């Protein structure tokens, strides 16, 4: 199988600290070559995106290469899923762009990536974004104070103090349901 290396200096901004080891482009290339040796892959190209390159020229070149006819069966080797983009959402978008062109993605740290593995990586607690953590804490705080977090359930309405209040007509229906 032919293999392509894709290397980036992205510091994953929305992944927890320590989920991706510091690895410069040269180290990622060494990892790529070792993985090719260990798995019998034939390295054919490497593309890189320096961390400061917001336009991602390496990714554009990689996608152009994958669009060429007669490229054969290709594996794109990355150091880690998080190296596919500067943020988790961008990394997932890059994953789908590559897979959509018929290539397999192999991560040095996580192994072969497929849709199921992508969902597993995406949902890991240590990979959740700081924004999601802040939202979750805020919702928990409001719930503890008794404030409404969404649409009120049948039999209640949101009062002026943002707390649930019983609607007697609907509550009578709920009581009847429970009695039955």
N, C-alpha and C. Protein backbone atom coordinates (compact mmCIF):
# COMPACT_ATOMS: atom_id res chain seq x y z
N UNK A 1 0.85 -1.17 0.00
CA UNK A 1 0.00 0.00 0.00
C UNK A 1 0.90 1.24 0.00
N UNK A 2 0.45 2.23 -0.73
CA UNK A 2 1.19 3.50 -0.79
C UNK A 2 0.74 4.37 0.38
N UNK A 3 1.67 5.14 0.93
CA UNK A 3 1.36 5.98 2.09
C UNK A 3 1.81 7.42 1.86
N UNK A 4 1.00 8.32 2.36
CA UNK A 4 1.29 9.75 2.32
C UNK A 4 1.36 10.24 3.76
N UNK A 5 2.33 11.05 4.06
CA UNK A 5 2.41 11.66 5.38
C UNK A 5 1.79 13.04 5.36
N UNK A 6 1.00 13.35 6.37
CA UNK A 6 0.46 14.71 6.54
C UNK A 6 0.87 15.18 7.92
N UNK A 7 1.66 16.23 7.97
CA UNK A 7 2.22 16.72 9.23
C UNK A 7 1.78 18.16 9.46
N UNK A 8 1.54 18.50 10.72
CA UNK A 8 1.17 19.87 11.07
C UNK A 8 1.72 20.23 12.44
N UNK A 9 1.88 21.51 12.63
CA UNK A 9 2.34 22.04 13.91
C UNK A 9 1.20 22.60 14.73
N UNK A 10 -0.03 22.21 14.40
CA UNK A 10 -1.17 22.77 15.12
C UNK A 10 -1.08 22.45 16.59
N UNK A 11 -1.34 23.46 17.40
CA UNK A 11 -1.52 23.26 18.83
C UNK A 11 -3.03 23.13 19.02
N UNK A 12 -3.54 21.94 19.22
CA UNK A 12 -4.99 21.76 19.29
C UNK A 12 -5.61 22.63 20.38
N UNK A 13 -6.38 23.65 19.97
CA UNK A 13 -6.89 24.63 20.91
C UNK A 13 -8.07 24.13 21.72
N UNK A 14 -8.87 23.21 21.17
CA UNK A 14 -10.05 22.78 21.92
C UNK A 14 -9.93 21.35 22.44
N UNK A 15 -8.70 20.85 22.50
CA UNK A 15 -8.48 19.55 23.11
C UNK A 15 -7.78 19.76 24.44
N UNK A 16 -8.02 18.87 25.36
CA UNK A 16 -7.43 19.00 26.69
C UNK A 16 -5.91 18.95 26.60
N UNK A 17 -5.28 19.64 27.51
CA UNK A 17 -3.82 19.65 27.57
C UNK A 17 -3.29 18.24 27.69
N UNK A 18 -2.24 17.93 26.95
CA UNK A 18 -1.58 16.65 27.09
C UNK A 18 -2.16 15.54 26.25
N UNK A 19 -3.23 15.82 25.46
CA UNK A 19 -3.79 14.75 24.65
C UNK A 19 -2.96 14.49 23.41
N UNK A 20 -2.21 15.47 22.97
CA UNK A 20 -1.31 15.30 21.83
C UNK A 20 0.07 15.76 22.28
N UNK A 21 1.01 14.85 22.20
CA UNK A 21 2.35 15.19 22.63
C UNK A 21 2.94 16.24 21.71
N UNK A 22 3.81 17.07 22.27
CA UNK A 22 4.51 18.04 21.45
C UNK A 22 5.35 17.27 20.45
N UNK A 23 5.15 17.55 19.19
CA UNK A 23 5.85 16.81 18.15
C UNK A 23 6.07 17.75 16.99
N UNK A 24 7.33 18.08 16.71
CA UNK A 24 7.59 18.97 15.60
C UNK A 24 7.47 18.21 14.28
N UNK A 25 7.59 18.94 13.19
CA UNK A 25 7.39 18.33 11.87
C UNK A 25 8.41 17.23 11.59
N UNK A 26 9.65 17.41 12.02
CA UNK A 26 10.68 16.39 11.79
C UNK A 26 10.35 15.11 12.55
N UNK A 27 9.89 15.25 13.80
CA UNK A 27 9.51 14.06 14.58
C UNK A 27 8.32 13.34 13.94
N UNK A 28 7.35 14.12 13.43
CA UNK A 28 6.20 13.50 12.78
C UNK A 28 6.63 12.73 11.53
N UNK A 29 7.61 13.28 10.78
CA UNK A 29 8.13 12.59 9.61
C UNK A 29 8.81 11.28 10.01
N UNK A 30 9.59 11.32 11.10
CA UNK A 30 10.24 10.09 11.60
C UNK A 30 9.19 9.05 11.99
N UNK A 31 8.12 9.48 12.67
CA UNK A 31 7.04 8.56 13.05
C UNK A 31 6.41 7.94 11.81
N UNK A 32 6.20 8.77 10.80
CA UNK A 32 5.61 8.32 9.53
C UNK A 32 6.47 7.23 8.90
N UNK A 33 7.78 7.48 8.81
CA UNK A 33 8.68 6.51 8.17
C UNK A 33 8.76 5.21 8.97
N UNK A 34 8.75 5.31 10.31
CA UNK A 34 8.76 4.09 11.14
C UNK A 34 7.48 3.28 10.93
N UNK A 35 6.33 3.96 10.90
CA UNK A 35 5.06 3.27 10.69
C UNK A 35 5.05 2.60 9.31
N UNK A 36 5.58 3.28 8.31
CA UNK A 36 5.64 2.69 6.96
C UNK A 36 6.51 1.43 6.97
N UNK A 37 7.66 1.50 7.63
CA UNK A 37 8.54 0.34 7.73
C UNK A 37 7.85 -0.82 8.44
N UNK A 38 7.20 -0.53 9.54
CA UNK A 38 6.57 -1.57 10.36
C UNK A 38 5.40 -2.24 9.65
N UNK A 39 4.70 -1.50 8.78
CA UNK A 39 3.49 -2.03 8.14
C UNK A 39 3.68 -2.35 6.66
N UNK A 40 4.87 -2.19 6.15
CA UNK A 40 5.13 -2.49 4.75
C UNK A 40 4.53 -1.48 3.78
N UNK A 41 4.30 -0.25 4.23
CA UNK A 41 3.77 0.79 3.36
C UNK A 41 4.90 1.36 2.52
N UNK A 42 4.57 1.83 1.34
CA UNK A 42 5.53 2.50 0.47
C UNK A 42 5.30 4.01 0.59
N UNK A 43 6.20 4.76 1.26
CA UNK A 43 6.00 6.21 1.36
C UNK A 43 6.19 6.86 -0.02
N UNK A 44 5.19 7.65 -0.44
CA UNK A 44 5.27 8.27 -1.76
C UNK A 44 5.27 9.79 -1.71
N UNK A 45 4.78 10.37 -0.63
CA UNK A 45 4.74 11.83 -0.55
C UNK A 45 4.52 12.26 0.89
N UNK A 46 4.85 13.51 1.15
CA UNK A 46 4.59 14.12 2.45
C UNK A 46 4.10 15.54 2.21
N UNK A 47 3.15 15.95 3.03
CA UNK A 47 2.61 17.30 2.94
C UNK A 47 2.61 17.88 4.35
N UNK A 48 2.94 19.16 4.47
CA UNK A 48 3.00 19.74 5.81
C UNK A 48 2.34 21.09 5.86
N UNK A 49 1.79 21.36 7.03
CA UNK A 49 1.19 22.65 7.33
C UNK A 49 1.84 23.20 8.59
N UNK A 50 2.65 24.25 8.45
CA UNK A 50 3.19 24.89 9.65
C UNK A 50 2.04 25.47 10.48
N UNK A 51 2.19 25.49 11.78
CA UNK A 51 1.12 25.94 12.67
C UNK A 51 0.61 27.33 12.37
N UNK A 52 1.45 28.22 11.89
CA UNK A 52 1.02 29.59 11.61
C UNK A 52 0.31 29.75 10.28
N UNK A 53 0.25 28.72 9.46
CA UNK A 53 -0.35 28.83 8.14
C UNK A 53 -1.85 28.61 8.23
N UNK A 54 -2.62 29.68 8.30
CA UNK A 54 -4.07 29.55 8.47
C UNK A 54 -4.76 29.07 7.20
N UNK A 55 -4.12 29.23 6.03
CA UNK A 55 -4.74 28.79 4.79
C UNK A 55 -4.49 27.32 4.48
N UNK A 56 -3.67 26.64 5.26
CA UNK A 56 -3.41 25.21 5.19
C UNK A 56 -2.98 24.76 3.80
N UNK A 57 -1.84 25.26 3.32
CA UNK A 57 -1.38 24.89 1.97
C UNK A 57 -1.08 23.40 1.84
N UNK A 58 -0.57 22.77 2.87
CA UNK A 58 -0.27 21.35 2.82
C UNK A 58 -1.52 20.51 2.61
N UNK A 59 -2.60 20.88 3.29
CA UNK A 59 -3.85 20.15 3.11
C UNK A 59 -4.37 20.32 1.69
N UNK A 60 -4.31 21.54 1.15
CA UNK A 60 -4.76 21.76 -0.22
C UNK A 60 -3.97 20.89 -1.20
N UNK A 61 -2.65 20.83 -1.00
CA UNK A 61 -1.80 20.01 -1.88
C UNK A 61 -2.15 18.51 -1.72
N UNK A 62 -2.37 18.08 -0.49
CA UNK A 62 -2.74 16.68 -0.23
C UNK A 62 -4.05 16.33 -0.94
N UNK A 63 -5.06 17.19 -0.81
CA UNK A 63 -6.35 16.92 -1.44
C UNK A 63 -6.23 16.91 -2.97
N UNK A 64 -5.42 17.83 -3.51
CA UNK A 64 -5.17 17.83 -4.96
C UNK A 64 -4.52 16.52 -5.39
N UNK A 65 -3.57 16.05 -4.60
CA UNK A 65 -2.89 14.78 -4.91
C UNK A 65 -3.90 13.62 -4.91
N UNK A 66 -4.78 13.62 -3.91
CA UNK A 66 -5.77 12.54 -3.82
C UNK A 66 -6.80 12.60 -4.94
N UNK A 67 -6.99 13.78 -5.54
CA UNK A 67 -7.93 13.92 -6.65
C UNK A 67 -7.37 13.39 -7.97
N UNK A 68 -6.07 13.14 -8.03
CA UNK A 68 -5.45 12.66 -9.27
C UNK A 68 -5.90 11.22 -9.55
N UNK A 69 -6.12 10.91 -10.83
CA UNK A 69 -6.47 9.53 -11.16
C UNK A 69 -5.24 8.63 -11.07
N UNK A 70 -5.46 7.34 -10.98
CA UNK A 70 -4.38 6.36 -10.99
C UNK A 70 -3.40 6.53 -9.83
N UNK A 71 -3.88 6.88 -8.69
CA UNK A 71 -2.98 7.04 -7.54
C UNK A 71 -2.80 5.74 -6.77
N UNK A 72 -3.68 4.76 -6.99
CA UNK A 72 -3.59 3.50 -6.28
C UNK A 72 -4.20 3.60 -4.89
N UNK A 73 -4.09 2.52 -4.11
CA UNK A 73 -4.65 2.50 -2.76
C UNK A 73 -3.73 3.29 -1.84
N UNK A 74 -4.28 4.27 -1.19
CA UNK A 74 -3.49 5.23 -0.41
C UNK A 74 -3.91 5.22 1.05
N UNK A 75 -2.92 5.29 1.93
CA UNK A 75 -3.16 5.55 3.34
C UNK A 75 -2.52 6.90 3.66
N UNK A 76 -3.27 7.76 4.32
CA UNK A 76 -2.74 9.03 4.78
C UNK A 76 -2.37 8.84 6.24
N UNK A 77 -1.09 9.03 6.55
CA UNK A 77 -0.60 8.80 7.91
C UNK A 77 -0.44 10.14 8.62
N UNK A 78 -1.04 10.24 9.80
CA UNK A 78 -0.92 11.44 10.64
C UNK A 78 -0.41 11.02 12.01
N UNK A 79 0.16 11.97 12.72
CA UNK A 79 0.66 11.69 14.06
C UNK A 79 -0.48 11.37 15.02
N UNK A 80 -1.56 12.14 14.93
CA UNK A 80 -2.74 11.96 15.79
C UNK A 80 -3.92 12.63 15.12
N UNK A 81 -5.13 12.22 15.48
CA UNK A 81 -6.34 12.82 14.91
C UNK A 81 -6.31 14.34 15.03
N UNK A 82 -5.87 14.84 16.18
CA UNK A 82 -5.87 16.28 16.44
C UNK A 82 -4.98 17.05 15.47
N UNK A 83 -4.05 16.36 14.81
CA UNK A 83 -3.15 17.01 13.85
C UNK A 83 -3.84 17.28 12.52
N UNK A 84 -5.06 16.80 12.34
CA UNK A 84 -5.78 17.04 11.09
C UNK A 84 -6.33 18.45 11.00
N UNK A 85 -6.33 19.19 12.10
CA UNK A 85 -6.83 20.56 12.06
C UNK A 85 -6.56 21.29 13.34
N UNK A 86 -6.64 22.63 13.30
CA UNK A 86 -6.35 23.43 14.49
C UNK A 86 -7.39 23.28 15.59
N UNK A 87 -8.60 22.83 15.25
CA UNK A 87 -9.65 22.58 16.23
C UNK A 87 -10.30 21.24 15.90
N UNK A 88 -10.99 20.68 16.85
CA UNK A 88 -11.58 19.36 16.68
C UNK A 88 -12.56 19.32 15.50
N UNK A 89 -13.40 20.35 15.36
CA UNK A 89 -14.36 20.37 14.26
C UNK A 89 -13.64 20.43 12.92
N UNK A 90 -12.60 21.21 12.83
CA UNK A 90 -11.82 21.31 11.60
C UNK A 90 -11.10 19.99 11.31
N UNK A 91 -10.61 19.32 12.34
CA UNK A 91 -9.97 18.02 12.16
C UNK A 91 -10.97 17.01 11.61
N UNK A 92 -12.20 17.02 12.12
CA UNK A 92 -13.23 16.10 11.62
C UNK A 92 -13.57 16.42 10.17
N UNK A 93 -13.66 17.70 9.84
CA UNK A 93 -13.94 18.10 8.46
C UNK A 93 -12.84 17.60 7.52
N UNK A 94 -11.59 17.74 7.94
CA UNK A 94 -10.45 17.27 7.16
C UNK A 94 -10.52 15.76 6.99
N UNK A 95 -10.86 15.05 8.07
CA UNK A 95 -11.01 13.59 8.00
C UNK A 95 -11.97 13.21 6.88
N UNK A 96 -13.15 13.85 6.85
CA UNK A 96 -14.15 13.51 5.85
C UNK A 96 -13.72 13.90 4.44
N UNK A 97 -12.95 14.99 4.31
CA UNK A 97 -12.44 15.37 2.99
C UNK A 97 -11.50 14.29 2.45
N UNK A 98 -10.64 13.77 3.31
CA UNK A 98 -9.67 12.77 2.89
C UNK A 98 -10.35 11.44 2.60
N UNK A 99 -11.21 10.98 3.51
CA UNK A 99 -11.90 9.71 3.34
C UNK A 99 -12.82 9.77 2.11
N UNK A 100 -13.42 10.92 1.87
CA UNK A 100 -14.29 11.09 0.72
C UNK A 100 -13.56 10.94 -0.61
N UNK A 101 -12.26 11.06 -0.58
CA UNK A 101 -11.46 10.90 -1.79
C UNK A 101 -10.89 9.48 -1.91
N UNK A 102 -11.37 8.58 -1.08
CA UNK A 102 -11.00 7.18 -1.19
C UNK A 102 -9.75 6.75 -0.45
N UNK A 103 -9.21 7.59 0.39
CA UNK A 103 -8.01 7.24 1.15
C UNK A 103 -8.39 6.77 2.55
N UNK A 104 -7.55 5.95 3.11
CA UNK A 104 -7.69 5.50 4.50
C UNK A 104 -6.79 6.40 5.34
N UNK A 105 -7.19 6.69 6.57
CA UNK A 105 -6.35 7.49 7.46
C UNK A 105 -5.84 6.59 8.58
N UNK A 106 -4.54 6.66 8.81
CA UNK A 106 -3.91 5.89 9.88
C UNK A 106 -3.21 6.89 10.80
N UNK A 107 -3.56 6.84 12.07
CA UNK A 107 -2.92 7.69 13.07
C UNK A 107 -1.83 6.89 13.76
N UNK A 108 -0.69 7.51 13.94
CA UNK A 108 0.42 6.83 14.63
C UNK A 108 0.02 6.50 16.06
N UNK A 109 -0.70 7.39 16.73
CA UNK A 109 -1.06 7.18 18.14
C UNK A 109 -2.37 6.43 18.33
N UNK A 110 -3.34 6.59 17.39
CA UNK A 110 -4.66 6.01 17.58
C UNK A 110 -4.96 4.84 16.65
N UNK A 111 -4.07 4.55 15.73
CA UNK A 111 -4.28 3.44 14.80
C UNK A 111 -5.14 3.86 13.62
N UNK A 112 -5.66 2.89 12.87
CA UNK A 112 -6.51 3.21 11.72
C UNK A 112 -7.75 3.97 12.17
N UNK A 113 -8.08 5.05 11.45
CA UNK A 113 -9.25 5.85 11.80
C UNK A 113 -10.38 5.52 10.83
N UNK A 114 -11.53 5.19 11.39
CA UNK A 114 -12.75 5.04 10.60
C UNK A 114 -13.83 5.85 11.32
N UNK A 115 -15.03 5.83 10.78
CA UNK A 115 -16.09 6.67 11.35
C UNK A 115 -16.37 6.33 12.82
N UNK A 116 -16.38 5.05 13.15
CA UNK A 116 -16.66 4.64 14.53
C UNK A 116 -15.55 5.14 15.47
N UNK A 117 -14.31 5.00 15.05
CA UNK A 117 -13.18 5.46 15.87
C UNK A 117 -13.20 6.98 16.01
N UNK A 118 -13.59 7.67 14.93
CA UNK A 118 -13.69 9.13 14.98
C UNK A 118 -14.71 9.55 16.04
N UNK A 119 -15.86 8.89 16.06
CA UNK A 119 -16.87 9.22 17.08
C UNK A 119 -16.37 8.94 18.49
N UNK A 120 -15.62 7.87 18.63
CA UNK A 120 -15.07 7.53 19.94
C UNK A 120 -14.08 8.61 20.39
N UNK A 121 -13.20 9.03 19.51
CA UNK A 121 -12.24 10.09 19.84
C UNK A 121 -12.97 11.38 20.15
N UNK A 122 -13.98 11.68 19.34
CA UNK A 122 -14.73 12.93 19.49
C UNK A 122 -15.41 12.99 20.86
N UNK A 123 -15.93 11.86 21.33
CA UNK A 123 -16.70 11.85 22.56
C UNK A 123 -15.90 11.66 23.82
N UNK A 124 -14.62 11.47 23.71
CA UNK A 124 -13.83 11.24 24.92
C UNK A 124 -13.88 12.46 25.84
N UNK A 125 -14.04 12.20 27.11
CA UNK A 125 -14.15 13.28 28.09
C UNK A 125 -12.95 14.22 28.04
N UNK A 126 -11.74 13.66 27.89
CA UNK A 126 -10.57 14.53 27.91
C UNK A 126 -10.42 15.34 26.65
N UNK A 127 -11.29 15.11 25.66
CA UNK A 127 -11.21 15.87 24.43
C UNK A 127 -12.29 16.93 24.32
N UNK A 128 -13.07 17.13 25.36
CA UNK A 128 -14.15 18.09 25.27
C UNK A 128 -13.61 19.51 25.33
N UNK A 129 -14.31 20.39 24.67
CA UNK A 129 -13.83 21.76 24.57
C UNK A 129 -14.06 22.53 25.86
N UNK A 130 -13.29 23.58 26.01
CA UNK A 130 -13.43 24.43 27.18
C UNK A 130 -14.78 25.13 27.16
N UNK A 131 -15.27 25.49 25.98
CA UNK A 131 -16.57 26.14 25.85
C UNK A 131 -17.66 25.20 26.33
N UNK A 132 -17.61 23.93 25.89
CA UNK A 132 -18.63 22.96 26.32
C UNK A 132 -18.60 22.79 27.83
N UNK A 133 -17.42 22.78 28.42
CA UNK A 133 -17.32 22.66 29.88
C UNK A 133 -17.95 23.86 30.57
N UNK A 134 -17.74 25.07 30.04
CA UNK A 134 -18.32 26.28 30.65
C UNK A 134 -19.84 26.25 30.53
N UNK A 135 -20.35 25.84 29.37
CA UNK A 135 -21.80 25.76 29.18
C UNK A 135 -22.40 24.74 30.14
N UNK A 136 -21.76 23.59 30.27
CA UNK A 136 -22.26 22.54 31.16
C UNK A 136 -22.28 23.04 32.61
N UNK A 137 -21.22 23.72 33.04
CA UNK A 137 -21.18 24.25 34.41
C UNK A 137 -22.28 25.29 34.63
N UNK A 138 -22.51 26.15 33.62
CA UNK A 138 -23.55 27.17 33.74
C UNK A 138 -24.94 26.56 33.84
N UNK A 139 -25.19 25.54 33.02
CA UNK A 139 -26.49 24.86 33.07
C UNK A 139 -26.69 24.16 34.41
N UNK A 140 -25.65 23.53 34.90
CA UNK A 140 -25.75 22.85 36.20
C UNK A 140 -26.06 23.87 37.30
N UNK A 141 -25.39 25.02 37.26
CA UNK A 141 -25.60 26.06 38.27
C UNK A 141 -27.04 26.57 38.23
N UNK A 142 -27.56 26.80 37.01
CA UNK A 142 -28.94 27.26 36.88
C UNK A 142 -29.93 26.21 37.38
N UNK A 143 -29.66 24.94 37.09
CA UNK A 143 -30.55 23.87 37.53
C UNK A 143 -30.57 23.77 39.05
N UNK A 144 -29.42 23.91 39.68
CA UNK A 144 -29.34 23.84 41.13
C UNK A 144 -30.14 24.96 41.77
N UNK A 145 -30.15 26.13 41.12
CA UNK A 145 -30.90 27.28 41.63
C UNK A 145 -32.40 27.15 41.34
N UNK A 146 -32.76 26.11 40.57
CA UNK A 146 -34.17 25.89 40.26
C UNK A 146 -34.65 26.64 39.03
N UNK A 147 -33.75 27.21 38.24
CA UNK A 147 -34.14 27.94 37.05
C UNK A 147 -34.43 26.97 35.91
N UNK A 148 -35.30 27.39 35.01
CA UNK A 148 -35.69 26.57 33.88
C UNK A 148 -34.55 26.54 32.86
N UNK A 149 -34.27 25.36 32.31
CA UNK A 149 -33.21 25.23 31.32
C UNK A 149 -33.74 25.10 29.90
N UNK A 150 -34.99 24.87 29.73
CA UNK A 150 -35.57 24.69 28.40
C UNK A 150 -37.06 24.86 28.47
N UNK A 151 -37.74 24.18 27.55
CA UNK A 151 -39.19 24.23 27.54
C UNK A 151 -39.73 23.50 28.76
N UNK A 152 -40.68 24.10 29.47
CA UNK A 152 -41.21 23.45 30.67
C UNK A 152 -42.04 22.22 30.32
N UNK A 153 -42.07 21.23 31.20
CA UNK A 153 -42.89 20.04 30.96
C UNK A 153 -44.38 20.37 31.08
N UNK A 154 -45.21 19.49 30.51
CA UNK A 154 -46.65 19.67 30.57
C UNK A 154 -47.08 19.76 32.03
N UNK A 155 -47.90 20.74 32.34
CA UNK A 155 -48.38 20.93 33.70
C UNK A 155 -47.65 22.05 34.42
N UNK A 156 -46.66 22.63 33.75
CA UNK A 156 -45.88 23.72 34.35
C UNK A 156 -45.71 24.85 33.33
N UNK A 157 -45.41 26.03 33.84
CA UNK A 157 -45.05 27.17 32.99
C UNK A 157 -43.89 27.89 33.67
N UNK A 158 -43.21 28.71 32.93
CA UNK A 158 -42.08 29.47 33.46
C UNK A 158 -42.62 30.75 34.06
N UNK A 159 -42.34 30.95 35.34
CA UNK A 159 -42.79 32.15 36.02
C UNK A 159 -41.86 33.33 35.77
N UNK A 160 -42.22 34.47 36.28
CA UNK A 160 -41.42 35.69 36.07
C UNK A 160 -40.04 35.59 36.72
N UNK A 161 -39.91 34.72 37.72
CA UNK A 161 -38.61 34.54 38.38
C UNK A 161 -37.80 33.41 37.73
N UNK A 162 -38.23 32.94 36.52
CA UNK A 162 -37.55 31.89 35.75
C UNK A 162 -37.61 30.53 36.44
N UNK A 163 -38.58 30.35 37.33
CA UNK A 163 -38.78 29.06 37.99
C UNK A 163 -40.09 28.45 37.49
N UNK A 164 -40.20 27.12 37.65
CA UNK A 164 -41.41 26.43 37.21
C UNK A 164 -42.57 26.73 38.16
N UNK A 165 -43.75 26.96 37.57
CA UNK A 165 -44.98 27.16 38.33
C UNK A 165 -46.03 26.19 37.79
N UNK A 166 -46.84 25.64 38.68
CA UNK A 166 -47.86 24.67 38.30
C UNK A 166 -49.00 25.37 37.58
N UNK A 167 -49.46 24.76 36.48
CA UNK A 167 -50.66 25.20 35.76
C UNK A 167 -51.75 24.22 36.19
N UNK A 168 -52.70 24.70 37.00
CA UNK A 168 -53.68 23.82 37.66
C UNK A 168 -54.50 22.99 36.67
N UNK A 169 -54.94 23.57 35.54
CA UNK A 169 -55.76 22.83 34.58
C UNK A 169 -54.97 21.64 34.02
N UNK A 170 -53.70 21.87 33.67
CA UNK A 170 -52.87 20.80 33.12
C UNK A 170 -52.46 19.82 34.23
N UNK A 171 -52.24 20.33 35.43
CA UNK A 171 -51.85 19.47 36.54
C UNK A 171 -52.95 18.47 36.87
N UNK A 172 -54.22 18.87 36.71
CA UNK A 172 -55.34 17.96 36.95
C UNK A 172 -55.28 16.78 35.96
N UNK A 173 -54.91 17.05 34.73
CA UNK A 173 -54.79 15.99 33.73
C UNK A 173 -53.65 15.04 34.12
N UNK A 174 -52.55 15.58 34.56
CA UNK A 174 -51.41 14.76 34.96
C UNK A 174 -51.78 13.89 36.16
N UNK A 175 -52.49 14.46 37.14
CA UNK A 175 -52.93 13.67 38.31
C UNK A 175 -53.84 12.53 37.88
N UNK A 176 -54.75 12.79 36.93
CA UNK A 176 -55.66 11.76 36.43
C UNK A 176 -54.86 10.64 35.75
N UNK A 177 -53.87 11.01 34.99
CA UNK A 177 -53.04 9.99 34.30
C UNK A 177 -52.36 9.10 35.34
N UNK A 178 -51.83 9.68 36.38
CA UNK A 178 -51.15 8.89 37.41
C UNK A 178 -52.14 8.02 38.17
N UNK A 179 -53.36 8.51 38.41
CA UNK A 179 -54.35 7.70 39.10
C UNK A 179 -54.75 6.51 38.25
N UNK A 180 -54.85 6.70 36.94
CA UNK A 180 -55.26 5.61 36.05
C UNK A 180 -54.15 4.56 35.95
